[in-house]
Amino acid sequence: MKAAIVCACLVSCASRTRDEPSPIEEYDVTEPADTAPAVPPDTTAPAPTWSIWDGRLKIMTLVARPGPLTSSAPPPPGPAKLQLHPFLSASAHSGIHEDRLRRLLRASTSLEGYLTALRDAGFRIQEEAPMPP
């Protein structure tokens, strides 16, 4: 059910043309990541959550729980493939920022490293109420 909702949101949130690659298309999750947790994450506890801002524009919501990376761009034609990340879940809200956010994420090896990279890039990070399980 959740996958269907995510796919429906992605289809309805078109902010770029289909010719532009989606940042999550390039994220290969078929091979194990070096940063994958040795112990499965606790999915029964609320997860720390942050909003990422560029000035007054909210560009991403980030959750400290392995899971999907959702783009504000529509998925490519055909069956949707849910992309998972080993140490965070994120929903992009601004198509023009997604490439930069993706590059910073790819260069990071941990959630703390990613948050530091976002701050160093000039983005404002605001802690939110934890995401329920």
N, C-alpha and C. Protein backbone atom coordinates (compact mmCIF):
# COMPACT_ATOMS: atom_id res chain seq x y z
N MET A 1 0.82 -1.19 0.00
CA MET A 1 0.00 0.00 0.00
C MET A 1 0.87 1.26 0.00
N LYS A 2 1.93 1.26 0.89
CA LYS A 2 2.80 2.43 0.95
C LYS A 2 3.48 2.69 -0.40
N ALA A 3 3.92 1.61 -1.06
CA ALA A 3 4.59 1.79 -2.35
C ALA A 3 3.65 2.42 -3.36
N ALA A 4 2.37 2.04 -3.33
CA ALA A 4 1.40 2.61 -4.26
C ALA A 4 1.20 4.10 -3.98
N ILE A 5 1.17 4.46 -2.70
CA ILE A 5 1.00 5.87 -2.34
C ILE A 5 2.21 6.68 -2.78
N VAL A 6 3.43 6.13 -2.54
CA VAL A 6 4.65 6.83 -2.95
C VAL A 6 4.66 7.00 -4.47
N CYS A 7 4.31 5.94 -5.19
CA CYS A 7 4.29 6.03 -6.66
C CYS A 7 3.26 7.06 -7.13
N ALA A 8 2.10 7.08 -6.49
CA ALA A 8 1.07 8.04 -6.88
C ALA A 8 1.54 9.46 -6.62
N CYS A 9 2.23 9.66 -5.50
CA CYS A 9 2.76 11.00 -5.21
C CYS A 9 3.80 11.41 -6.23
N LEU A 10 4.66 10.46 -6.59
CA LEU A 10 5.71 10.77 -7.56
C LEU A 10 5.11 11.14 -8.92
N VAL A 11 4.10 10.42 -9.34
CA VAL A 11 3.48 10.68 -10.63
C VAL A 11 2.82 12.05 -10.63
N SER A 12 2.22 12.45 -9.52
CA SER A 12 1.48 13.71 -9.50
C SER A 12 2.34 14.93 -9.23
N CYS A 13 3.60 14.74 -8.88
CA CYS A 13 4.45 15.87 -8.48
C CYS A 13 5.48 16.17 -9.56
N ALA A 14 5.06 16.49 -10.73
CA ALA A 14 5.98 16.75 -11.84
C ALA A 14 6.54 18.17 -11.73
N SER A 15 7.86 18.26 -11.54
CA SER A 15 8.48 19.59 -11.51
C SER A 15 9.58 19.70 -12.56
N ARG A 16 9.85 18.60 -13.26
CA ARG A 16 10.87 18.61 -14.29
C ARG A 16 10.35 17.86 -15.51
N THR A 17 11.07 17.97 -16.60
CA THR A 17 10.67 17.24 -17.79
C THR A 17 11.14 15.79 -17.67
N ARG A 18 10.56 14.93 -18.46
CA ARG A 18 10.94 13.52 -18.41
C ARG A 18 12.34 13.29 -18.97
N ASP A 19 12.91 14.25 -19.68
CA ASP A 19 14.24 14.09 -20.24
C ASP A 19 15.32 14.23 -19.17
N GLU A 20 15.00 14.88 -18.05
CA GLU A 20 15.98 15.04 -16.99
C GLU A 20 16.00 13.78 -16.14
N PRO A 21 17.21 13.28 -15.79
CA PRO A 21 17.25 12.07 -14.98
C PRO A 21 16.77 12.36 -13.56
N SER A 22 16.06 11.42 -13.01
CA SER A 22 15.65 11.53 -11.62
C SER A 22 16.84 11.17 -10.75
N PRO A 23 17.09 11.90 -9.67
CA PRO A 23 18.23 11.58 -8.82
C PRO A 23 18.16 10.18 -8.26
N ILE A 24 16.97 9.65 -8.03
CA ILE A 24 16.91 8.32 -7.46
C ILE A 24 17.13 7.23 -8.50
N GLU A 25 16.99 7.54 -9.79
CA GLU A 25 17.23 6.55 -10.83
C GLU A 25 18.68 6.10 -10.81
N GLU A 26 19.57 7.00 -10.46
CA GLU A 26 20.99 6.70 -10.52
C GLU A 26 21.51 6.05 -9.25
N TYR A 27 20.68 5.90 -8.24
CA TYR A 27 21.13 5.33 -6.98
C TYR A 27 21.00 3.83 -7.05
N ASP A 28 22.11 3.11 -7.17
CA ASP A 28 22.09 1.67 -7.30
C ASP A 28 21.97 1.03 -5.92
N VAL A 29 20.89 0.34 -5.70
CA VAL A 29 20.69 -0.30 -4.41
C VAL A 29 20.74 -1.81 -4.52
N THR A 30 21.24 -2.33 -5.63
CA THR A 30 21.28 -3.77 -5.81
C THR A 30 22.47 -4.40 -5.10
N GLU A 31 23.52 -3.64 -4.86
CA GLU A 31 24.68 -4.16 -4.15
C GLU A 31 24.66 -3.66 -2.72
N PRO A 32 25.15 -4.47 -1.77
CA PRO A 32 25.15 -4.01 -0.39
C PRO A 32 26.06 -2.80 -0.22
N ALA A 33 25.63 -1.86 0.58
CA ALA A 33 26.42 -0.66 0.84
C ALA A 33 27.35 -0.91 2.02
N ASP A 34 28.53 -0.28 1.98
CA ASP A 34 29.47 -0.39 3.09
C ASP A 34 28.88 0.20 4.37
N THR A 35 27.91 1.09 4.21
CA THR A 35 27.35 1.78 5.35
C THR A 35 26.09 1.11 5.88
N ALA A 36 25.72 -0.03 5.34
CA ALA A 36 24.50 -0.70 5.80
C ALA A 36 24.66 -1.08 7.26
N PRO A 37 23.63 -0.88 8.05
CA PRO A 37 23.73 -1.20 9.48
C PRO A 37 23.92 -2.70 9.70
N ALA A 38 24.76 -3.04 10.68
CA ALA A 38 25.01 -4.45 10.99
C ALA A 38 23.79 -5.06 11.67
N VAL A 39 23.04 -4.24 12.39
CA VAL A 39 21.83 -4.68 13.09
C VAL A 39 20.65 -4.00 12.42
N PRO A 40 19.57 -4.73 12.19
CA PRO A 40 18.41 -4.07 11.57
C PRO A 40 17.95 -2.88 12.41
N PRO A 41 17.51 -1.80 11.77
CA PRO A 41 17.07 -0.63 12.52
C PRO A 41 15.81 -0.94 13.33
N ASP A 42 15.66 -0.22 14.44
CA ASP A 42 14.47 -0.38 15.27
C ASP A 42 13.34 0.37 14.60
N THR A 43 12.42 -0.37 14.01
CA THR A 43 11.29 0.25 13.32
C THR A 43 10.09 0.43 14.22
N THR A 44 10.24 0.08 15.52
CA THR A 44 9.14 0.27 16.46
C THR A 44 9.25 1.59 17.21
N ALA A 45 10.39 2.26 17.09
CA ALA A 45 10.60 3.54 17.79
C ALA A 45 10.48 4.69 16.79
N PRO A 46 10.05 5.85 17.25
CA PRO A 46 10.04 7.03 16.37
C PRO A 46 11.46 7.34 15.87
N ALA A 47 11.57 7.82 14.65
CA ALA A 47 12.88 8.13 14.06
C ALA A 47 13.10 9.64 14.02
N PRO A 48 14.31 10.10 14.38
CA PRO A 48 14.61 11.53 14.25
C PRO A 48 14.33 12.01 12.83
N THR A 49 13.78 13.21 12.72
CA THR A 49 13.36 13.76 11.43
C THR A 49 13.82 15.21 11.33
N TRP A 50 14.24 15.61 10.12
CA TRP A 50 14.68 16.98 9.88
C TRP A 50 14.05 17.51 8.60
N SER A 51 13.84 18.82 8.57
CA SER A 51 13.49 19.53 7.34
C SER A 51 14.75 20.25 6.89
N ILE A 52 15.01 20.20 5.59
CA ILE A 52 16.17 20.87 5.02
C ILE A 52 15.66 22.06 4.23
N TRP A 53 16.25 23.23 4.48
CA TRP A 53 15.78 24.49 3.89
C TRP A 53 16.89 25.19 3.13
N ASP A 54 16.52 25.80 2.02
CA ASP A 54 17.40 26.72 1.29
C ASP A 54 16.70 28.08 1.38
N GLY A 55 17.18 28.91 2.29
CA GLY A 55 16.49 30.17 2.55
C GLY A 55 15.14 29.86 3.16
N ARG A 56 14.06 30.36 2.51
CA ARG A 56 12.70 30.12 3.03
C ARG A 56 11.99 28.97 2.31
N LEU A 57 12.73 28.24 1.48
CA LEU A 57 12.16 27.14 0.72
C LEU A 57 12.53 25.79 1.35
N LYS A 58 11.52 25.03 1.74
CA LYS A 58 11.75 23.68 2.25
C LYS A 58 12.03 22.78 1.07
N ILE A 59 13.24 22.17 1.06
CA ILE A 59 13.64 21.40 -0.11
C ILE A 59 13.65 19.89 0.11
N MET A 60 13.64 19.46 1.39
CA MET A 60 13.69 18.02 1.63
C MET A 60 13.26 17.72 3.07
N THR A 61 12.66 16.55 3.24
CA THR A 61 12.40 15.99 4.57
C THR A 61 13.25 14.75 4.68
N LEU A 62 13.99 14.64 5.76
CA LEU A 62 14.94 13.55 5.96
C LEU A 62 14.60 12.82 7.26
N VAL A 63 14.60 11.48 7.22
CA VAL A 63 14.27 10.66 8.37
C VAL A 63 15.42 9.70 8.63
N ALA A 64 15.81 9.57 9.89
CA ALA A 64 16.93 8.70 10.28
C ALA A 64 16.48 7.25 10.37
N ARG A 65 16.05 6.72 9.24
CA ARG A 65 15.61 5.34 9.15
C ARG A 65 15.86 4.88 7.71
N PRO A 66 16.54 3.75 7.52
CA PRO A 66 16.74 3.26 6.15
C PRO A 66 15.40 3.17 5.43
N GLY A 67 15.40 3.56 4.18
CA GLY A 67 14.15 3.49 3.44
C GLY A 67 14.23 4.17 2.09
N PRO A 68 13.08 4.57 1.56
CA PRO A 68 13.01 5.09 0.19
C PRO A 68 13.54 6.51 0.06
N LEU A 69 14.05 6.80 -1.11
CA LEU A 69 14.41 8.15 -1.52
C LEU A 69 13.36 8.54 -2.56
N THR A 70 12.52 9.50 -2.24
CA THR A 70 11.48 9.89 -3.18
C THR A 70 11.82 11.22 -3.81
N SER A 71 11.58 11.30 -5.08
CA SER A 71 11.89 12.48 -5.87
C SER A 71 10.62 13.30 -6.08
N SER A 72 10.82 14.58 -6.33
CA SER A 72 9.67 15.42 -6.70
C SER A 72 9.34 15.27 -8.18
N ALA A 73 10.21 14.61 -8.92
CA ALA A 73 9.98 14.37 -10.35
C ALA A 73 9.16 13.10 -10.53
N PRO A 74 8.42 13.01 -11.61
CA PRO A 74 7.67 11.78 -11.87
C PRO A 74 8.64 10.65 -12.22
N PRO A 75 8.26 9.41 -11.92
CA PRO A 75 9.13 8.29 -12.29
C PRO A 75 9.14 8.11 -13.80
N PRO A 76 10.16 7.42 -14.31
CA PRO A 76 10.18 7.16 -15.75
C PRO A 76 9.02 6.26 -16.13
N PRO A 77 8.67 6.23 -17.42
CA PRO A 77 7.56 5.36 -17.87
C PRO A 77 7.85 3.90 -17.52
N GLY A 78 6.81 3.16 -17.32
CA GLY A 78 6.95 1.75 -17.00
C GLY A 78 6.78 1.49 -15.52
N PRO A 79 7.02 0.25 -15.13
CA PRO A 79 6.83 -0.11 -13.72
C PRO A 79 7.80 0.68 -12.82
N ALA A 80 7.28 1.18 -11.73
CA ALA A 80 8.11 1.93 -10.78
C ALA A 80 8.91 0.96 -9.93
N LYS A 81 10.16 1.32 -9.65
CA LYS A 81 11.02 0.52 -8.80
C LYS A 81 11.35 1.37 -7.58
N LEU A 82 10.93 0.93 -6.42
CA LEU A 82 11.18 1.66 -5.19
C LEU A 82 12.66 1.60 -4.86
N GLN A 83 13.29 2.76 -4.70
CA GLN A 83 14.70 2.84 -4.38
C GLN A 83 14.87 2.98 -2.87
N LEU A 84 15.74 2.17 -2.28
CA LEU A 84 15.97 2.22 -0.85
C LEU A 84 17.39 2.68 -0.55
N HIS A 85 17.55 3.35 0.58
CA HIS A 85 18.86 3.82 1.01
C HIS A 85 19.21 3.13 2.32
N PRO A 86 20.49 2.82 2.55
CA PRO A 86 20.86 2.04 3.74
C PRO A 86 20.82 2.80 5.07
N PHE A 87 20.90 4.14 5.07
CA PHE A 87 20.91 4.80 6.38
C PHE A 87 19.95 5.97 6.54
N LEU A 88 19.10 6.23 5.56
CA LEU A 88 18.11 7.29 5.71
C LEU A 88 16.97 7.12 4.73
N SER A 89 15.89 7.83 5.01
CA SER A 89 14.77 7.98 4.08
C SER A 89 14.68 9.47 3.78
N ALA A 90 14.31 9.83 2.57
CA ALA A 90 14.22 11.25 2.24
C ALA A 90 13.16 11.47 1.17
N SER A 91 12.50 12.62 1.29
CA SER A 91 11.54 13.06 0.28
C SER A 91 11.95 14.45 -0.17
N ALA A 92 12.28 14.56 -1.45
CA ALA A 92 12.65 15.86 -2.01
C ALA A 92 11.40 16.66 -2.30
N HIS A 93 11.47 17.98 -2.07
CA HIS A 93 10.33 18.86 -2.33
C HIS A 93 10.65 19.90 -3.40
N SER A 94 11.89 19.93 -3.87
CA SER A 94 12.32 20.93 -4.85
C SER A 94 13.18 20.26 -5.92
N GLY A 95 12.61 20.16 -7.11
CA GLY A 95 13.33 19.52 -8.21
C GLY A 95 14.65 20.18 -8.56
N ILE A 96 14.73 21.50 -8.42
CA ILE A 96 15.98 22.18 -8.81
C ILE A 96 17.12 21.91 -7.83
N HIS A 97 16.81 21.38 -6.65
CA HIS A 97 17.85 21.08 -5.66
C HIS A 97 18.26 19.61 -5.65
N GLU A 98 17.50 18.76 -6.31
CA GLU A 98 17.72 17.32 -6.17
C GLU A 98 19.10 16.86 -6.62
N ASP A 99 19.64 17.40 -7.68
CA ASP A 99 20.95 16.96 -8.14
C ASP A 99 22.01 17.24 -7.08
N ARG A 100 21.98 18.44 -6.52
CA ARG A 100 22.97 18.80 -5.50
C ARG A 100 22.78 17.95 -4.24
N LEU A 101 21.54 17.74 -3.83
CA LEU A 101 21.27 16.90 -2.66
C LEU A 101 21.77 15.48 -2.89
N ARG A 102 21.55 14.96 -4.09
CA ARG A 102 22.01 13.60 -4.43
C ARG A 102 23.52 13.50 -4.41
N ARG A 103 24.20 14.52 -4.97
CA ARG A 103 25.67 14.49 -4.98
C ARG A 103 26.23 14.51 -3.55
N LEU A 104 25.64 15.33 -2.69
CA LEU A 104 26.08 15.38 -1.30
C LEU A 104 25.83 14.04 -0.60
N LEU A 105 24.70 13.40 -0.90
CA LEU A 105 24.39 12.11 -0.29
C LEU A 105 25.36 11.04 -0.77
N ARG A 106 25.64 11.01 -2.04
CA ARG A 106 26.57 10.00 -2.58
C ARG A 106 27.97 10.13 -1.99
N ALA A 107 28.36 11.35 -1.62
CA ALA A 107 29.68 11.57 -1.04
C ALA A 107 29.71 11.29 0.46
N SER A 108 28.56 11.01 1.06
CA SER A 108 28.47 10.79 2.50
C SER A 108 28.43 9.29 2.82
N THR A 109 29.03 8.94 3.95
CA THR A 109 29.06 7.54 4.37
C THR A 109 28.21 7.30 5.61
N SER A 110 27.58 8.35 6.14
CA SER A 110 26.74 8.20 7.32
C SER A 110 25.71 9.32 7.35
N LEU A 111 24.70 9.15 8.17
CA LEU A 111 23.68 10.19 8.33
C LEU A 111 24.32 11.46 8.89
N GLU A 112 25.18 11.31 9.89
CA GLU A 112 25.85 12.48 10.48
C GLU A 112 26.70 13.19 9.44
N GLY A 113 27.38 12.43 8.60
CA GLY A 113 28.20 13.02 7.54
C GLY A 113 27.36 13.78 6.53
N TYR A 114 26.18 13.24 6.22
CA TYR A 114 25.28 13.91 5.28
C TYR A 114 24.75 15.21 5.87
N LEU A 115 24.34 15.18 7.13
CA LEU A 115 23.86 16.40 7.78
C LEU A 115 24.96 17.46 7.81
N THR A 116 26.18 17.05 8.08
CA THR A 116 27.31 17.99 8.08
C THR A 116 27.53 18.56 6.68
N ALA A 117 27.47 17.71 5.67
CA ALA A 117 27.66 18.17 4.29
C ALA A 117 26.56 19.16 3.89
N LEU A 118 25.33 18.91 4.31
CA LEU A 118 24.23 19.83 4.01
C LEU A 118 24.47 21.19 4.67
N ARG A 119 24.88 21.18 5.95
CA ARG A 119 25.18 22.45 6.65
C ARG A 119 26.33 23.18 5.95
N ASP A 120 27.38 22.45 5.62
CA ASP A 120 28.54 23.06 4.97
C ASP A 120 28.19 23.65 3.61
N ALA A 121 27.16 23.09 2.96
CA ALA A 121 26.72 23.58 1.65
C ALA A 121 25.81 24.80 1.79
N GLY A 122 25.51 25.18 3.04
CA GLY A 122 24.71 26.39 3.26
C GLY A 122 23.23 26.15 3.49
N PHE A 123 22.82 24.91 3.58
CA PHE A 123 21.42 24.61 3.85
C PHE A 123 21.15 24.70 5.35
N ARG A 124 19.92 25.08 5.70
CA ARG A 124 19.52 25.15 7.09
C ARG A 124 18.81 23.84 7.43
N ILE A 125 19.17 23.26 8.58
CA ILE A 125 18.58 22.00 9.02
C ILE A 125 17.75 22.28 10.25
N GLN A 126 16.48 21.90 10.18
CA GLN A 126 15.56 22.14 11.29
C GLN A 126 15.04 20.80 11.78
N GLU A 127 15.26 20.52 13.07
CA GLU A 127 14.76 19.27 13.63
C GLU A 127 13.24 19.35 13.75
N GLU A 128 12.59 18.24 13.42
CA GLU A 128 11.13 18.15 13.46
C GLU A 128 10.73 17.10 14.49
N ALA A 129 9.45 16.95 14.70
CA ALA A 129 8.96 15.88 15.57
C ALA A 129 9.37 14.55 14.96
N PRO A 130 9.77 13.58 15.78
CA PRO A 130 10.18 12.28 15.24
C PRO A 130 9.07 11.63 14.41
N MET A 131 9.50 10.92 13.38
CA MET A 131 8.58 10.20 12.50
C MET A 131 8.13 8.93 13.20
N PRO A 132 6.83 8.73 13.35
CA PRO A 132 6.37 7.49 14.01
C PRO A 132 6.74 6.26 13.18
N PRO A 133 6.77 5.10 13.85
CA PRO A 133 7.14 3.86 13.12
C PRO A 133 6.17 3.53 12.02
